[in-house]
PDB file of all heavy atoms in Angstrom:
ATOM      1  N   GLU A   1       4.446  21.533  16.838  1.00  0.00           N
ATOM      2  CA  GLU A   1       4.032  20.276  16.194  1.00  0.00           C
ATOM      3  C   GLU A   1       2.740  19.754  16.808  1.00  0.00           C
ATOM      4  O   GLU A   1       2.608  19.674  18.034  1.00  0.00           O
ATOM      5  CB  GLU A   1       5.136  19.224  16.344  1.00  0.00           C
ATOM      6  CG  GLU A   1       4.788  17.858  15.775  1.00  0.00           C
ATOM      7  CD  GLU A   1       4.555  17.896  14.275  1.00  0.00           C
ATOM      8  OE1 GLU A   1       5.553  17.988  13.532  1.00  0.00           O
ATOM      9  OE2 GLU A   1       3.366  17.858  13.871  1.00  0.00           O
ATOM     10  N   MET A   2       1.780  19.406  15.947  1.00  0.00           N
ATOM     11  CA  MET A   2       0.480  18.917  16.409  1.00  0.00           C
ATOM     12  C   MET A   2       0.375  17.397  16.389  1.00  0.00           C
ATOM     13  O   MET A   2      -0.480  16.812  17.064  1.00  0.00           O
ATOM     14  CB  MET A   2      -0.627  19.522  15.549  1.00  0.00           C
ATOM     15  CG  MET A   2      -0.701  21.044  15.650  1.00  0.00           C
ATOM     16  SD  MET A   2      -1.714  21.811  14.358  1.00  0.00           S
ATOM     17  CE  MET A   2      -3.331  21.155  14.759  1.00  0.00           C
ATOM     18  N   VAL A   3       1.228  16.726  15.604  1.00  0.00           N
ATOM     19  CA  VAL A   3       1.175  15.273  15.470  1.00  0.00           C
ATOM     20  C   VAL A   3       2.004  14.625  16.575  1.00  0.00           C
ATOM     21  O   VAL A   3       3.186  14.949  16.748  1.00  0.00           O
ATOM     22  CB  VAL A   3       1.696  14.824  14.094  1.00  0.00           C
ATOM     23  CG1 VAL A   3       1.728  13.301  13.992  1.00  0.00           C
ATOM     24  CG2 VAL A   3       0.834  15.418  12.984  1.00  0.00           C
ATOM     25  N   ARG A   4       1.391  13.735  17.298  1.00  0.00           N
ATOM     26  CA  ARG A   4       2.095  13.014  18.355  1.00  0.00           C
ATOM     27  C   ARG A   4       2.699  11.731  17.782  1.00  0.00           C
ATOM     28  O   ARG A   4       2.071  11.028  17.006  1.00  0.00           O
ATOM     29  CB  ARG A   4       1.129  12.671  19.479  1.00  0.00           C
ATOM     30  CG  ARG A   4       1.799  12.076  20.708  1.00  0.00           C
ATOM     31  CD  ARG A   4       0.801  11.988  21.841  1.00  0.00           C
ATOM     32  NE  ARG A   4       1.425  11.527  23.077  1.00  0.00           N
ATOM     33  CZ  ARG A   4       0.787  11.438  24.235  1.00  0.00           C
ATOM     34  NH1 ARG A   4      -0.498  11.787  24.325  1.00  0.00           N
ATOM     35  NH2 ARG A   4       1.412  11.015  25.314  1.00  0.00           N
ATOM     36  N   ASN A   5       3.942  11.449  18.179  1.00  0.00           N
ATOM     37  CA  ASN A   5       4.655  10.258  17.702  1.00  0.00           C
ATOM     38  C   ASN A   5       4.766  10.290  16.185  1.00  0.00           C
ATOM     39  O   ASN A   5       4.437   9.329  15.488  1.00  0.00           O
ATOM     40  CB  ASN A   5       3.946   8.981  18.185  1.00  0.00           C
ATOM     41  CG  ASN A   5       4.766   7.732  17.930  1.00  0.00           C
ATOM     42  OD1 ASN A   5       5.974   7.786  17.728  1.00  0.00           O
ATOM     43  ND2 ASN A   5       4.098   6.583  17.909  1.00  0.00           N
ATOM     44  N   ARG A   6       5.292  11.385  15.672  1.00  0.00           N
ATOM     45  CA  ARG A   6       5.319  11.605  14.226  1.00  0.00           C
ATOM     46  C   ARG A   6       6.311  10.692  13.518  1.00  0.00           C
ATOM     47  O   ARG A   6       6.211  10.472  12.312  1.00  0.00           O
ATOM     48  CB  ARG A   6       5.648  13.064  13.925  1.00  0.00           C
ATOM     49  CG  ARG A   6       7.056  13.488  14.310  1.00  0.00           C
ATOM     50  CD  ARG A   6       7.265  14.970  14.096  1.00  0.00           C
ATOM     51  NE  ARG A   6       8.637  15.366  14.409  1.00  0.00           N
ATOM     52  CZ  ARG A   6       9.061  16.627  14.404  1.00  0.00           C
ATOM     53  NH1 ARG A   6       8.219  17.596  14.106  1.00  0.00           N
ATOM     54  NH2 ARG A   6      10.317  16.902  14.688  1.00  0.00           N
ATOM     55  N   SER A   7       7.296  10.164  14.250  1.00  0.00           N
ATOM     56  CA  SER A   7       8.289   9.296  13.617  1.00  0.00           C
ATOM     57  C   SER A   7       8.237   7.871  14.164  1.00  0.00           C
ATOM     58  O   SER A   7       9.171   7.097  13.954  1.00  0.00           O
ATOM     59  CB  SER A   7       9.697   9.878  13.762  1.00  0.00           C
ATOM     60  OG  SER A   7       9.980  10.160  15.116  1.00  0.00           O
ATOM     61  N   PHE A   8       7.171   7.540  14.870  1.00  0.00           N
ATOM     62  CA  PHE A   8       6.895   6.164  15.299  1.00  0.00           C
ATOM     63  C   PHE A   8       8.033   5.564  16.131  1.00  0.00           C
ATOM     64  O   PHE A   8       8.373   4.393  15.990  1.00  0.00           O
ATOM     65  CB  PHE A   8       6.617   5.269  14.074  1.00  0.00           C
ATOM     66  CG  PHE A   8       5.840   5.941  12.996  1.00  0.00           C
ATOM     67  CD1 PHE A   8       6.359   6.081  11.713  1.00  0.00           C
ATOM     68  CD2 PHE A   8       4.589   6.476  13.255  1.00  0.00           C
ATOM     69  CE1 PHE A   8       5.643   6.722  10.711  1.00  0.00           C
ATOM     70  CE2 PHE A   8       3.866   7.119  12.258  1.00  0.00           C
ATOM     71  CZ  PHE A   8       4.391   7.244  10.988  1.00  0.00           C
ATOM     72  N   GLN A   9       8.568   6.391  17.038  1.00  0.00           N
ATOM     73  CA  GLN A   9       9.716   5.954  17.826  1.00  0.00           C
ATOM     74  C   GLN A   9       9.380   5.708  19.298  1.00  0.00           C
ATOM     75  O   GLN A   9      10.284   5.486  20.092  1.00  0.00           O
ATOM     76  CB  GLN A   9      10.832   6.996  17.745  1.00  0.00           C
ATOM     77  CG  GLN A   9      11.307   7.298  16.337  1.00  0.00           C
ATOM     78  CD  GLN A   9      11.947   6.096  15.679  1.00  0.00           C
ATOM     79  OE1 GLN A   9      12.841   5.479  16.242  1.00  0.00           O
ATOM     80  NE2 GLN A   9      11.476   5.750  14.489  1.00  0.00           N
ATOM     81  N   HIS A  10       8.107   5.760  19.674  1.00  0.00           N
ATOM     82  CA  HIS A  10       7.776   5.579  21.086  1.00  0.00           C
ATOM     83  C   HIS A  10       8.176   4.187  21.538  1.00  0.00           C
ATOM     84  O   HIS A  10       7.771   3.179  20.949  1.00  0.00           O
ATOM     85  CB  HIS A  10       6.275   5.810  21.326  1.00  0.00           C
ATOM     86  CG  HIS A  10       5.937   7.253  21.420  1.00  0.00           C
ATOM     87  ND1 HIS A  10       5.287   7.794  22.499  1.00  0.00           N
ATOM     88  CD2 HIS A  10       6.174   8.279  20.583  1.00  0.00           C
ATOM     89  CE1 HIS A  10       5.124   9.102  22.314  1.00  0.00           C
ATOM     90  NE2 HIS A  10       5.653   9.413  21.152  1.00  0.00           N
ATOM     91  N   ARG A  11       8.938   4.141  22.608  1.00  0.00           N
ATOM     92  CA  ARG A  11       9.469   2.874  23.108  1.00  0.00           C
ATOM     93  C   ARG A  11       8.330   1.941  23.530  1.00  0.00           C
ATOM     94  O   ARG A  11       7.497   2.291  24.361  1.00  0.00           O
ATOM     95  CB  ARG A  11      10.387   3.139  24.306  1.00  0.00           C
ATOM     96  CG  ARG A  11      11.156   1.924  24.775  1.00  0.00           C
ATOM     97  CD  ARG A  11      12.041   2.274  25.932  1.00  0.00           C
ATOM     98  NE  ARG A  11      11.267   2.729  27.074  1.00  0.00           N
ATOM     99  CZ  ARG A  11      11.751   2.847  28.303  1.00  0.00           C
ATOM    100  NH1 ARG A  11      13.012   2.568  28.523  1.00  0.00           N
ATOM    101  NH2 ARG A  11      11.001   3.251  29.289  1.00  0.00           N
ATOM    102  N   GLY A  12       8.305   0.742  22.962  1.00  0.00           N
ATOM    103  CA  GLY A  12       7.314  -0.254  23.344  1.00  0.00           C
ATOM    104  C   GLY A  12       5.970  -0.069  22.666  1.00  0.00           C
ATOM    105  O   GLY A  12       5.168  -0.993  22.599  1.00  0.00           O
ATOM    106  N   LYS A  13       5.686   1.148  22.159  1.00  0.00           N
ATOM    107  CA  LYS A  13       4.409   1.419  21.495  1.00  0.00           C
ATOM    108  C   LYS A  13       4.687   2.284  20.274  1.00  0.00           C
ATOM    109  O   LYS A  13       4.365   3.465  20.233  1.00  0.00           O
ATOM    110  CB  LYS A  13       3.439   2.122  22.440  1.00  0.00           C
ATOM    111  CG  LYS A  13       2.990   1.278  23.632  1.00  0.00           C
ATOM    112  CD  LYS A  13       1.968   2.029  24.471  1.00  0.00           C
ATOM    113  CE  LYS A  13       1.485   1.185  25.644  1.00  0.00           C
ATOM    114  NZ  LYS A  13       0.492   1.924  26.469  1.00  0.00           N
ATOM    115  N   ASN A  14       5.288   1.655  19.256  1.00  0.00           N
ATOM    116  CA  ASN A  14       5.763   2.440  18.122  1.00  0.00           C
ATOM    117  C   ASN A  14       4.665   3.209  17.410  1.00  0.00           C
ATOM    118  O   ASN A  14       4.917   4.249  16.801  1.00  0.00           O
ATOM    119  CB  ASN A  14       6.491   1.529  17.128  1.00  0.00           C
ATOM    120  CG  ASN A  14       7.857   1.116  17.636  1.00  0.00           C
ATOM    121  OD1 ASN A  14       8.343   1.671  18.614  1.00  0.00           O
ATOM    122  ND2 ASN A  14       8.456   0.136  16.997  1.00  0.00           N
ATOM    123  N   PHE A  15       3.430   2.697  17.466  1.00  0.00           N
ATOM    124  CA  PHE A  15       2.340   3.385  16.773  1.00  0.00           C
ATOM    125  C   PHE A  15       1.355   4.000  17.752  1.00  0.00           C
ATOM    126  O   PHE A  15       0.179   4.190  17.433  1.00  0.00           O
ATOM    127  CB  PHE A  15       1.644   2.425  15.813  1.00  0.00           C
ATOM    128  CG  PHE A  15       2.582   1.827  14.789  1.00  0.00           C
ATOM    129  CD1 PHE A  15       2.626   0.467  14.566  1.00  0.00           C
ATOM    130  CD2 PHE A  15       3.449   2.643  14.078  1.00  0.00           C
ATOM    131  CE1 PHE A  15       3.510  -0.074  13.644  1.00  0.00           C
ATOM    132  CE2 PHE A  15       4.334   2.113  13.154  1.00  0.00           C
ATOM    133  CZ  PHE A  15       4.367   0.749  12.933  1.00  0.00           C
ATOM    134  N   ALA A  16       1.832   4.355  18.956  1.00  0.00           N
ATOM    135  CA  ALA A  16       0.984   5.053  19.921  1.00  0.00           C
ATOM    136  C   ALA A  16       0.462   6.332  19.291  1.00  0.00           C
ATOM    137  O   ALA A  16       1.182   7.026  18.566  1.00  0.00           O
ATOM    138  CB  ALA A  16       1.782   5.376  21.183  1.00  0.00           C
ATOM    139  N   SER A  17      -0.805   6.652  19.567  1.00  0.00           N
ATOM    140  CA  SER A  17      -1.516   7.832  19.048  1.00  0.00           C
ATOM    141  C   SER A  17      -1.949   7.685  17.600  1.00  0.00           C
ATOM    142  O   SER A  17      -2.550   8.600  17.045  1.00  0.00           O
ATOM    143  CB  SER A  17      -0.688   9.119  19.207  1.00  0.00           C
ATOM    144  OG  SER A  17      -0.357   9.318  20.562  1.00  0.00           O
ATOM    145  N   TRP A  18      -1.658   6.552  16.967  1.00  0.00           N
ATOM    146  CA  TRP A  18      -2.102   6.296  15.602  1.00  0.00           C
ATOM    147  C   TRP A  18      -3.170   5.215  15.612  1.00  0.00           C
ATOM    148  O   TRP A  18      -3.012   4.183  16.251  1.00  0.00           O
ATOM    149  CB  TRP A  18      -0.932   5.867  14.716  1.00  0.00           C
ATOM    150  CG  TRP A  18       0.043   6.970  14.453  1.00  0.00           C
ATOM    151  CD1 TRP A  18       1.190   7.241  15.144  1.00  0.00           C
ATOM    152  CD2 TRP A  18      -0.042   7.951  13.430  1.00  0.00           C
ATOM    153  NE1 TRP A  18       1.825   8.327  14.628  1.00  0.00           N
ATOM    154  CE2 TRP A  18       1.085   8.793  13.560  1.00  0.00           C
ATOM    155  CE3 TRP A  18      -0.949   8.208  12.409  1.00  0.00           C
ATOM    156  CZ2 TRP A  18       1.320   9.867  12.708  1.00  0.00           C
ATOM    157  CZ3 TRP A  18      -0.719   9.278  11.554  1.00  0.00           C
ATOM    158  CH2 TRP A  18       0.404  10.096  11.703  1.00  0.00           C
ATOM    159  N   LEU A  19      -4.262   5.442  14.868  1.00  0.00           N
ATOM    160  CA  LEU A  19      -5.396   4.526  14.830  1.00  0.00           C
ATOM    161  C   LEU A  19      -5.831   4.293  13.388  1.00  0.00           C
ATOM    162  O   LEU A  19      -5.630   5.159  12.527  1.00  0.00           O
ATOM    163  CB  LEU A  19      -6.580   5.108  15.615  1.00  0.00           C
ATOM    164  CG  LEU A  19      -6.346   5.414  17.095  1.00  0.00           C
ATOM    165  CD1 LEU A  19      -7.514   6.232  17.634  1.00  0.00           C
ATOM    166  CD2 LEU A  19      -6.178   4.128  17.880  1.00  0.00           C
ATOM    167  N   PRO A  20      -6.452   3.136  13.088  1.00  0.00           N
ATOM    168  CA  PRO A  20      -7.020   2.933  11.761  1.00  0.00           C
ATOM    169  C   PRO A  20      -8.147   3.929  11.502  1.00  0.00           C
ATOM    170  O   PRO A  20      -8.875   4.322  12.414  1.00  0.00           O
ATOM    171  CB  PRO A  20      -7.559   1.501  11.817  1.00  0.00           C
ATOM    172  CG  PRO A  20      -6.886   0.861  12.981  1.00  0.00           C
ATOM    173  CD  PRO A  20      -6.623   1.957  13.964  1.00  0.00           C
ATOM    174  N   ALA A  21      -8.314   4.351  10.260  1.00  0.00           N
ATOM    175  CA  ALA A  21      -9.399   5.256   9.874  1.00  0.00           C
ATOM    176  C   ALA A  21      -9.894   4.843   8.496  1.00  0.00           C
ATOM    177  O   ALA A  21      -9.130   4.314   7.675  1.00  0.00           O
ATOM    178  CB  ALA A  21      -8.916   6.699   9.861  1.00  0.00           C
ATOM    179  N   SER A  22     -11.164   5.070   8.231  1.00  0.00           N
ATOM    180  CA  SER A  22     -11.706   4.674   6.929  1.00  0.00           C
ATOM    181  C   SER A  22     -12.955   5.466   6.604  1.00  0.00           C
ATOM    182  O   SER A  22     -13.575   6.087   7.474  1.00  0.00           O
ATOM    183  CB  SER A  22     -12.026   3.168   6.921  1.00  0.00           C
ATOM    184  OG  SER A  22     -13.054   2.875   7.857  1.00  0.00           O
ATOM    185  N   ARG A  23     -13.328   5.439   5.322  1.00  0.00           N
ATOM    186  CA  ARG A  23     -14.589   5.962   4.823  1.00  0.00           C
ATOM    187  C   ARG A  23     -15.244   4.842   4.029  1.00  0.00           C
ATOM    188  O   ARG A  23     -14.585   4.181   3.212  1.00  0.00           O
ATOM    189  CB  ARG A  23     -14.372   7.185   3.924  1.00  0.00           C
ATOM    190  CG  ARG A  23     -13.816   8.395   4.648  1.00  0.00           C
ATOM    191  CD  ARG A  23     -14.875   9.051   5.543  1.00  0.00           C
ATOM    192  NE  ARG A  23     -14.363  10.262   6.166  1.00  0.00           N
ATOM    193  CZ  ARG A  23     -13.686  10.288   7.318  1.00  0.00           C
ATOM    194  NH1 ARG A  23     -13.432   9.151   7.944  1.00  0.00           N
ATOM    195  NH2 ARG A  23     -13.279  11.440   7.833  1.00  0.00           N
ATOM    196  N   GLY A  24     -16.537   4.620   4.240  1.00  0.00           N
ATOM    197  CA  GLY A  24     -17.205   3.504   3.595  1.00  0.00           C
ATOM    198  C   GLY A  24     -16.709   2.199   4.178  1.00  0.00           C
ATOM    199  O   GLY A  24     -16.477   2.074   5.395  1.00  0.00           O
ATOM    200  N   ASN A  25     -16.486   1.203   3.314  1.00  0.00           N
ATOM    201  CA  ASN A  25     -16.049  -0.120   3.774  1.00  0.00           C
ATOM    202  C   ASN A  25     -14.556  -0.339   3.586  1.00  0.00           C
ATOM    203  O   ASN A  25     -14.084  -1.477   3.612  1.00  0.00           O
ATOM    204  CB  ASN A  25     -16.841  -1.208   3.038  1.00  0.00           C
ATOM    205  CG  ASN A  25     -18.302  -1.187   3.418  1.00  0.00           C
ATOM    206  OD1 ASN A  25     -18.638  -1.006   4.598  1.00  0.00           O
ATOM    207  ND2 ASN A  25     -19.176  -1.353   2.426  1.00  0.00           N
ATOM    208  N   GLY A  26     -13.819   0.729   3.381  1.00  0.00           N
ATOM    209  CA  GLY A  26     -12.380   0.578   3.257  1.00  0.00           C
ATOM    210  C   GLY A  26     -11.756   0.097   4.554  1.00  0.00           C
ATOM    211  O   GLY A  26     -12.288   0.297   5.640  1.00  0.00           O
ATOM    212  N   SER A  27     -10.597  -0.545   4.446  1.00  0.00           N
ATOM    213  CA  SER A  27      -9.910  -1.047   5.644  1.00  0.00           C
ATOM    214  C   SER A  27      -8.412  -0.918   5.459  1.00  0.00           C
ATOM    215  O   SER A  27      -7.905  -0.746   4.345  1.00  0.00           O
ATOM    216  CB  SER A  27     -10.292  -2.505   5.916  1.00  0.00           C
ATOM    217  OG  SER A  27      -9.839  -3.343   4.862  1.00  0.00           O
ATOM    218  N   VAL A  28      -7.693  -1.017   6.572  1.00  0.00           N
ATOM    219  CA  VAL A  28      -6.244  -0.852   6.543  1.00  0.00           C
ATOM    220  C   VAL A  28      -5.591  -1.811   7.523  1.00  0.00           C
ATOM    221  O   VAL A  28      -6.135  -2.102   8.593  1.00  0.00           O
ATOM    222  CB  VAL A  28      -5.855   0.611   6.897  1.00  0.00           C
ATOM    223  CG1 VAL A  28      -6.312   0.976   8.301  1.00  0.00           C
ATOM    224  CG2 VAL A  28      -4.351   0.828   6.748  1.00  0.00           C
ATOM    225  N   GLU A  29      -4.439  -2.315   7.143  1.00  0.00           N
ATOM    226  CA  GLU A  29      -3.599  -3.110   8.030  1.00  0.00           C
ATOM    227  C   GLU A  29      -2.337  -2.312   8.325  1.00  0.00           C
ATOM    228  O   GLU A  29      -1.683  -1.816   7.397  1.00  0.00           O
ATOM    229  CB  GLU A  29      -3.240  -4.445   7.373  1.00  0.00           C
ATOM    230  CG  GLU A  29      -2.340  -5.324   8.224  1.00  0.00           C
ATOM    231  CD  GLU A  29      -1.939  -6.604   7.520  1.00  0.00           C
ATOM    232  OE1 GLU A  29      -2.747  -7.111   6.703  1.00  0.00           O
ATOM    233  OE2 GLU A  29      -0.810  -7.074   7.761  1.00  0.00           O
ATOM    234  N   ILE A  30      -2.023  -2.153   9.618  1.00  0.00           N
ATOM    235  CA  ILE A  30      -0.872  -1.346  10.035  1.00  0.00           C
ATOM    236  C   ILE A  30       0.214  -2.273  10.568  1.00  0.00           C
ATOM    237  O   ILE A  30      -0.046  -3.119  11.434  1.00  0.00           O
ATOM    238  CB  ILE A  30      -1.273  -0.335  11.128  1.00  0.00           C
ATOM    239  CG1 ILE A  30      -2.428   0.550  10.645  1.00  0.00           C
ATOM    240  CG2 ILE A  30      -0.076   0.519  11.536  1.00  0.00           C
ATOM    241  CD1 ILE A  30      -2.987   1.458  11.735  1.00  0.00           C
ATOM    242  N   GLU A  31       1.429  -2.107  10.069  1.00  0.00           N
ATOM    243  CA  GLU A  31       2.548  -2.892  10.575  1.00  0.00           C
ATOM    244  C   GLU A  31       3.822  -2.075  10.467  1.00  0.00           C
ATOM    245  O   GLU A  31       3.860  -1.020   9.824  1.00  0.00           O
ATOM    246  CB  GLU A  31       2.677  -4.198   9.789  1.00  0.00           C
ATOM    247  CG  GLU A  31       2.879  -4.003   8.298  1.00  0.00           C
ATOM    248  CD  GLU A  31       2.891  -5.318   7.543  1.00  0.00           C
ATOM    249  OE1 GLU A  31       3.463  -6.290   8.069  1.00  0.00           O
ATOM    250  OE2 GLU A  31       2.343  -5.366   6.423  1.00  0.00           O
ATOM    251  N   GLY A  32       4.856  -2.551  11.100  1.00  0.00           N
ATOM    252  CA  GLY A  32       6.124  -1.855  11.059  1.00  0.00           C
ATOM    253  C   GLY A  32       6.847  -2.062   9.751  1.00  0.00           C
ATOM    254  O   GLY A  32       6.945  -3.188   9.261  1.00  0.00           O
ATOM    255  N   GLY A  33       7.332  -0.966   9.170  1.00  0.00           N
ATOM    256  CA  GLY A  33       8.124  -1.058   7.954  1.00  0.00           C
ATOM    257  C   GLY A  33       9.589  -1.248   8.292  1.00  0.00           C
ATOM    258  O   GLY A  33      10.097  -0.709   9.282  1.00  0.00           O
ATOM    259  N   THR A  34      10.286  -2.011   7.478  1.00  0.00           N
ATOM    260  CA  THR A  34      11.690  -2.328   7.777  1.00  0.00           C
ATOM    261  C   THR A  34      12.664  -1.362   7.135  1.00  0.00           C
ATOM    262  O   THR A  34      13.873  -1.557   7.194  1.00  0.00           O
ATOM    263  CB  THR A  34      12.012  -3.749   7.303  1.00  0.00           C
ATOM    264  OG1 THR A  34      11.727  -3.845   5.898  1.00  0.00           O
ATOM    265  CG2 THR A  34      11.184  -4.774   8.074  1.00  0.00           C
ATOM    266  N   ASP A  35      12.157  -0.324   6.509  1.00  0.00           N
ATOM    267  CA  ASP A  35      13.041   0.691   5.942  1.00  0.00           C
ATOM    268  C   ASP A  35      12.487   2.065   6.277  1.00  0.00           C
ATOM    269  O   ASP A  35      11.365   2.216   6.746  1.00  0.00           O
ATOM    270  CB  ASP A  35      13.183   0.518   4.432  1.00  0.00           C
ATOM    271  CG  ASP A  35      11.866   0.757   3.708  1.00  0.00           C
ATOM    272  OD1 ASP A  35      10.797   0.652   4.373  1.00  0.00           O
ATOM    273  OD2 ASP A  35      11.880   1.034   2.506  1.00  0.00           O
ATOM    274  N   GLY A  36      13.303   3.084   6.038  1.00  0.00           N
ATOM    275  CA  GLY A  36      12.899   4.447   6.333  1.00  0.00           C
ATOM    276  C   GLY A  36      13.639   5.414   5.440  1.00  0.00           C
ATOM    277  O   GLY A  36      14.519   5.023   4.656  1.00  0.00           O
ATOM    278  N   PRO A  37      13.355   6.700   5.537  1.00  0.00           N
ATOM    279  CA  PRO A  37      13.942   7.688   4.624  1.00  0.00           C
ATOM    280  C   PRO A  37      15.354   8.128   4.978  1.00  0.00           C
ATOM    281  O   PRO A  37      15.963   8.885   4.211  1.00  0.00           O
ATOM    282  CB  PRO A  37      12.972   8.862   4.733  1.00  0.00           C
ATOM    283  CG  PRO A  37      12.412   8.747   6.114  1.00  0.00           C
ATOM    284  CD  PRO A  37      12.319   7.283   6.408  1.00  0.00           C
ATOM    285  N   SER A  38      15.883   7.707   6.144  1.00  0.00           N
ATOM    286  CA  SER A  38      17.217   8.171   6.539  1.00  0.00           C
ATOM    287  C   SER A  38      17.841   7.193   7.509  1.00  0.00           C
ATOM    288  O   SER A  38      17.171   6.311   8.068  1.00  0.00           O
ATOM    289  CB  SER A  38      17.131   9.557   7.191  1.00  0.00           C
ATOM    290  OG  SER A  38      16.450   9.467   8.437  1.00  0.00           O
ATOM    291  N   THR A  39      19.130   7.377   7.737  1.00  0.00           N
ATOM    292  CA  THR A  39      19.830   6.560   8.723  1.00  0.00           C
ATOM    293  C   THR A  39      19.288   6.815  10.120  1.00  0.00           C
ATOM    294  O   THR A  39      19.182   5.890  10.946  1.00  0.00           O
ATOM    295  CB  THR A  39      21.333   6.879   8.687  1.00  0.00           C
ATOM    296  OG1 THR A  39      21.827   6.648   7.366  1.00  0.00           O
ATOM    297  CG2 THR A  39      22.103   6.017   9.675  1.00  0.00           C
ATOM    298  N   ALA A  40      18.922   8.067  10.400  1.00  0.00           N
ATOM    299  CA  ALA A  40      18.397   8.414  11.726  1.00  0.00           C
ATOM    300  C   ALA A  40      17.023   7.805  11.960  1.00  0.00           C
ATOM    301  O   ALA A  40      16.668   7.471  13.093  1.00  0.00           O
ATOM    302  CB  ALA A  40      18.338   9.932  11.889  1.00  0.00           C
ATOM    303  N   LEU A  41      16.229   7.681  10.890  1.00  0.00           N
ATOM    304  CA  LEU A  41      14.875   7.118  10.986  1.00  0.00           C
ATOM    305  C   LEU A  41      14.799   5.918  10.041  1.00  0.00           C
ATOM    306  O   LEU A  41      14.265   5.995   8.923  1.00  0.00           O
ATOM    307  CB  LEU A  41      13.828   8.169  10.605  1.00  0.00           C
ATOM    308  CG  LEU A  41      13.802   9.435  11.474  1.00  0.00           C
ATOM    309  CD1 LEU A  41      12.778  10.435  10.950  1.00  0.00           C
ATOM    310  CD2 LEU A  41      13.526   9.095  12.939  1.00  0.00           C
ATOM    311  N   PRO A  42      15.333   4.759  10.476  1.00  0.00           N
ATOM    312  CA  PRO A  42      15.495   3.617   9.575  1.00  0.00           C
ATOM    313  C   PRO A  42      14.266   2.721   9.458  1.00  0.00           C
ATOM    314  O   PRO A  42      14.300   1.740   8.725  1.00  0.00           O
ATOM    315  CB  PRO A  42      16.649   2.848  10.224  1.00  0.00           C
ATOM    316  CG  PRO A  42      16.489   3.125  11.690  1.00  0.00           C
ATOM    317  CD  PRO A  42      15.976   4.539  11.785  1.00  0.00           C
ATOM    318  N   THR A  43      13.195   3.037  10.200  1.00  0.00           N
ATOM    319  CA  THR A  43      11.971   2.244  10.131  1.00  0.00           C
ATOM    320  C   THR A  43      10.809   3.152   9.763  1.00  0.00           C
ATOM    321  O   THR A  43      10.957   4.371   9.653  1.00  0.00           O
ATOM    322  CB  THR A  43      11.696   1.543  11.469  1.00  0.00           C
ATOM    323  OG1 THR A  43      11.548   2.533  12.498  1.00  0.00           O
ATOM    324  CG2 THR A  43      12.832   0.595  11.847  1.00  0.00           C
ATOM    325  N   SER A  44       9.639   2.557   9.604  1.00  0.00           N
ATOM    326  CA  SER A  44       8.491   3.333   9.161  1.00  0.00           C
ATOM    327  C   SER A  44       7.199   2.643   9.595  1.00  0.00           C
ATOM    328  O   SER A  44       7.222   1.587  10.227  1.00  0.00           O
ATOM    329  CB  SER A  44       8.513   3.488   7.629  1.00  0.00           C
ATOM    330  OG  SER A  44       8.516   2.211   7.001  1.00  0.00           O
ATOM    331  N   MET A  45       6.084   3.260   9.236  1.00  0.00           N
ATOM    332  CA  MET A  45       4.770   2.643   9.405  1.00  0.00           C
ATOM    333  C   MET A  45       4.282   2.232   8.028  1.00  0.00           C
ATOM    334  O   MET A  45       4.137   3.072   7.129  1.00  0.00           O
ATOM    335  CB  MET A  45       3.795   3.620  10.061  1.00  0.00           C
ATOM    336  CG  MET A  45       2.398   3.048  10.237  1.00  0.00           C
ATOM    337  SD  MET A  45       1.319   4.070  11.295  1.00  0.00           S
ATOM    338  CE  MET A  45       1.172   5.551  10.317  1.00  0.00           C
TER     339      MET A  45
END
């Protein structure tokens, strides 16, 4: 696996190794999602 913190579970730093990225003047807001695709992974980015 090449992606670090692929399921956003790092304790205290859920989005460690993830950064905003853009092309042109696009922008993004990153926050924790309150749902996820499974019981094991109940949150998201």
